[in-house]
N, C-alpha and C. Protein backbone atom coordinates (compact mmCIF):
# COMPACT_ATOMS: atom_id res chain seq x y z
N MET A 1 96.72 -40.47 -8.07
CA MET A 1 94.97 -41.51 -8.24
C MET A 1 94.40 -41.10 -9.12
N SER A 2 94.85 -40.42 -9.99
CA SER A 2 93.91 -39.93 -11.29
C SER A 2 93.14 -40.86 -12.00
N GLY A 3 91.70 -40.72 -10.95
CA GLY A 3 90.49 -41.18 -11.78
C GLY A 3 90.65 -43.00 -10.80
N ALA A 4 91.65 -42.86 -10.16
CA ALA A 4 91.40 -44.52 -9.69
C ALA A 4 90.34 -44.79 -8.81
N PRO A 5 90.04 -45.57 -8.68
CA PRO A 5 89.14 -46.42 -8.17
C PRO A 5 89.08 -46.79 -5.99
N LEU A 6 88.28 -46.49 -5.44
CA LEU A 6 88.86 -46.63 -4.18
C LEU A 6 88.87 -48.61 -3.52
N LEU A 7 88.15 -49.01 -4.45
CA LEU A 7 87.88 -50.82 -4.26
C LEU A 7 88.73 -50.78 -5.60
N PRO A 8 89.08 -52.04 -5.73
CA PRO A 8 89.60 -52.50 -6.90
C PRO A 8 89.07 -52.94 -7.79
N GLU A 9 89.22 -52.83 -9.26
CA GLU A 9 88.44 -53.20 -10.22
C GLU A 9 87.36 -54.60 -10.17
N GLY A 10 86.18 -54.50 -11.01
CA GLY A 10 85.17 -55.43 -10.24
C GLY A 10 84.28 -54.98 -9.22
N ARG A 11 84.67 -54.48 -8.17
CA ARG A 11 83.28 -54.15 -7.09
C ARG A 11 83.02 -52.64 -7.38
N ARG A 12 82.25 -52.08 -6.44
CA ARG A 12 81.35 -51.35 -6.63
C ARG A 12 82.30 -50.18 -5.70
N ALA A 13 82.69 -49.06 -6.61
CA ALA A 13 83.60 -48.12 -5.81
C ALA A 13 83.40 -46.85 -6.40
N LEU A 14 83.55 -45.92 -5.20
CA LEU A 14 83.35 -44.61 -5.87
C LEU A 14 84.67 -44.51 -6.60
N ARG A 15 84.38 -43.76 -7.95
CA ARG A 15 85.25 -43.21 -8.73
C ARG A 15 85.81 -41.52 -8.76
N LEU A 16 87.09 -41.49 -8.34
CA LEU A 16 86.91 -39.92 -8.07
C LEU A 16 87.50 -39.69 -9.95
N GLY A 17 86.68 -39.08 -10.97
CA GLY A 17 86.90 -39.37 -12.12
C GLY A 17 88.23 -37.79 -12.35
N ARG A 18 88.30 -38.09 -13.19
CA ARG A 18 89.93 -36.67 -14.14
C ARG A 18 88.97 -35.45 -14.26
N ALA A 19 87.90 -35.49 -14.82
CA ALA A 19 87.22 -34.09 -14.72
C ALA A 19 86.41 -33.37 -13.53
N ILE A 20 86.04 -34.37 -12.52
CA ILE A 20 85.74 -33.61 -11.42
C ILE A 20 87.20 -33.25 -10.50
N LYS A 21 86.72 -31.89 -10.35
CA LYS A 21 87.85 -31.12 -9.53
C LYS A 21 87.54 -31.46 -7.97
N VAL A 22 88.03 -32.71 -7.71
CA VAL A 22 88.35 -32.98 -6.38
C VAL A 22 89.98 -32.96 -5.76
N THR A 23 90.45 -32.46 -6.25
CA THR A 23 92.35 -32.48 -6.04
C THR A 23 92.25 -32.53 -4.28
N ARG A 24 91.44 -31.81 -3.45
CA ARG A 24 91.99 -31.80 -2.47
C ARG A 24 91.50 -33.08 -1.74
N LEU A 25 90.29 -33.27 -2.19
CA LEU A 25 89.60 -35.03 -1.60
C LEU A 25 90.84 -36.18 -2.03
N ARG A 26 91.70 -35.87 -3.28
CA ARG A 26 92.41 -36.97 -3.21
C ARG A 26 93.48 -37.09 -2.80
N ALA A 27 94.04 -35.76 -2.43
CA ALA A 27 95.06 -35.65 -1.69
C ALA A 27 95.02 -35.98 -0.10
N TRP A 28 93.61 -35.40 0.15
CA TRP A 28 93.48 -36.04 2.01
C TRP A 28 93.32 -37.77 1.69
N VAL A 29 92.53 -38.56 0.55
CA VAL A 29 92.50 -39.70 0.44
C VAL A 29 94.14 -40.47 0.52
N GLU A 30 95.24 -39.90 -0.37
CA GLU A 30 96.07 -40.44 -0.50
C GLU A 30 97.18 -40.32 1.22
N ALA A 31 96.74 -38.68 1.63
CA ALA A 31 97.48 -38.93 2.66
C ALA A 31 96.82 -39.86 3.88
N VAL A 32 95.60 -40.53 3.91
CA VAL A 32 95.37 -40.80 4.88
C VAL A 32 95.83 -42.42 4.68
N GLN A 33 95.60 -42.50 3.14
CA GLN A 33 96.54 -44.24 2.98
C GLN A 33 97.90 -44.12 3.30
N ALA A 34 98.66 -43.29 3.63
CA ALA A 34 100.07 -43.35 3.31
C ALA A 34 100.66 -43.36 4.94
N ARG A 35 99.43 -42.94 5.91
CA ARG A 35 99.46 -43.02 7.17
C ARG A 35 100.07 -44.03 7.87
N PRO A 36 101.32 -44.19 8.44
CA PRO A 36 101.46 -45.68 9.41
C PRO A 36 100.81 -46.33 9.70
N ALA A 37 99.80 -45.33 11.08
CA ALA A 37 98.81 -45.95 11.79
C ALA A 37 97.57 -47.07 10.74
N VAL A 38 97.40 -46.39 9.50
CA VAL A 38 96.54 -46.86 8.94
C VAL A 38 97.05 -47.64 8.19
N ARG A 39 98.02 -48.00 7.63
CA ARG A 39 98.65 -49.09 7.37
C ARG A 39 99.01 -50.59 7.89
N ALA A 40 99.33 -49.51 9.14
CA ALA A 40 99.72 -50.82 9.84
C ALA A 40 98.21 -51.68 10.66
N ILE A 41 97.17 -50.96 10.25
CA ILE A 41 95.70 -52.51 10.58
C ILE A 41 95.56 -52.27 9.23
N GLN A 42 95.75 -51.83 8.28
CA GLN A 42 94.96 -52.24 6.74
C GLN A 42 95.03 -53.59 6.95
N ASN A 43 94.03 -54.08 6.12
CA ASN A 43 93.49 -55.64 5.99
C ASN A 43 93.32 -55.72 4.57
N PRO A 44 93.46 -57.34 4.29
CA PRO A 44 93.44 -57.47 2.38
C PRO A 44 91.86 -57.18 1.66
N VAL A 45 91.66 -56.40 0.68
CA VAL A 45 90.09 -56.31 0.34
C VAL A 45 89.53 -57.24 0.66
N GLU A 46 89.41 -58.90 0.44
CA GLU A 46 88.44 -59.17 0.31
C GLU A 46 87.93 -59.26 2.05
N PHE A 47 88.68 -58.59 3.07
CA PHE A 47 88.55 -59.19 4.14
C PHE A 47 86.69 -57.99 4.54
N TYR A 48 87.11 -56.80 3.77
CA TYR A 48 85.95 -56.06 3.48
C TYR A 48 85.16 -56.37 2.70
N VAL A 49 84.93 -56.82 1.54
CA VAL A 49 84.22 -56.85 0.84
C VAL A 49 83.47 -58.32 1.24
N GLU A 50 84.12 -59.05 2.28
CA GLU A 50 83.27 -60.54 2.60
C GLU A 50 82.01 -59.98 3.78
N ARG A 51 83.07 -58.63 4.81
CA ARG A 51 81.50 -58.20 6.00
C ARG A 51 80.84 -57.70 5.24
N PHE A 52 81.02 -56.64 4.02
CA PHE A 52 80.00 -55.84 3.66
C PHE A 52 79.21 -56.05 2.52
N ALA A 53 79.34 -57.41 1.75
CA ALA A 53 78.81 -57.59 0.92
C ALA A 53 77.05 -57.67 1.39
N LYS A 54 76.68 -58.09 2.21
CA LYS A 54 75.73 -58.30 3.01
C LYS A 54 74.83 -56.89 2.76
N PHE A 55 75.55 -56.17 2.66
CA PHE A 55 74.87 -54.52 2.95
C PHE A 55 74.35 -54.40 1.85
N VAL A 56 75.12 -54.80 0.56
CA VAL A 56 74.86 -54.55 -0.94
C VAL A 56 73.95 -55.55 -1.72
N LYS A 57 73.28 -54.76 -2.26
CA LYS A 57 72.33 -55.45 -2.74
C LYS A 57 72.61 -55.22 -4.06
N PRO A 58 72.15 -56.49 -4.99
CA PRO A 58 72.42 -56.75 -6.15
C PRO A 58 72.21 -56.11 -7.43
N ALA A 59 73.64 -55.56 -8.56
CA ALA A 59 72.81 -55.00 -9.44
C ALA A 59 71.95 -55.66 -10.04
N THR A 60 70.93 -54.65 -11.21
CA THR A 60 70.02 -55.17 -11.61
C THR A 60 70.29 -54.98 -13.32
N THR A 61 70.04 -55.33 -14.23
CA THR A 61 69.70 -55.25 -15.48
C THR A 61 68.76 -54.48 -16.08
N ALA A 62 68.93 -53.83 -16.83
CA ALA A 62 68.02 -53.07 -17.72
C ALA A 62 67.14 -53.63 -18.32
N ALA A 63 65.79 -54.01 -18.46
CA ALA A 63 65.30 -55.09 -19.50
C ALA A 63 64.99 -53.88 -20.62
């Protein structure tokens, strides 16, 4: 998961950078994502994007 986003490219995402030592957090995320129970109820990314889009403010550009 080295530096991989928790959401696909083009989405606002928490990135776990290589420079940051979060190996235990990375390992936990990978372990959770690999669990059969989690995989069984996993939905496509668009499912979550559609439902949470209303909570995200549009990004503004600097003037």
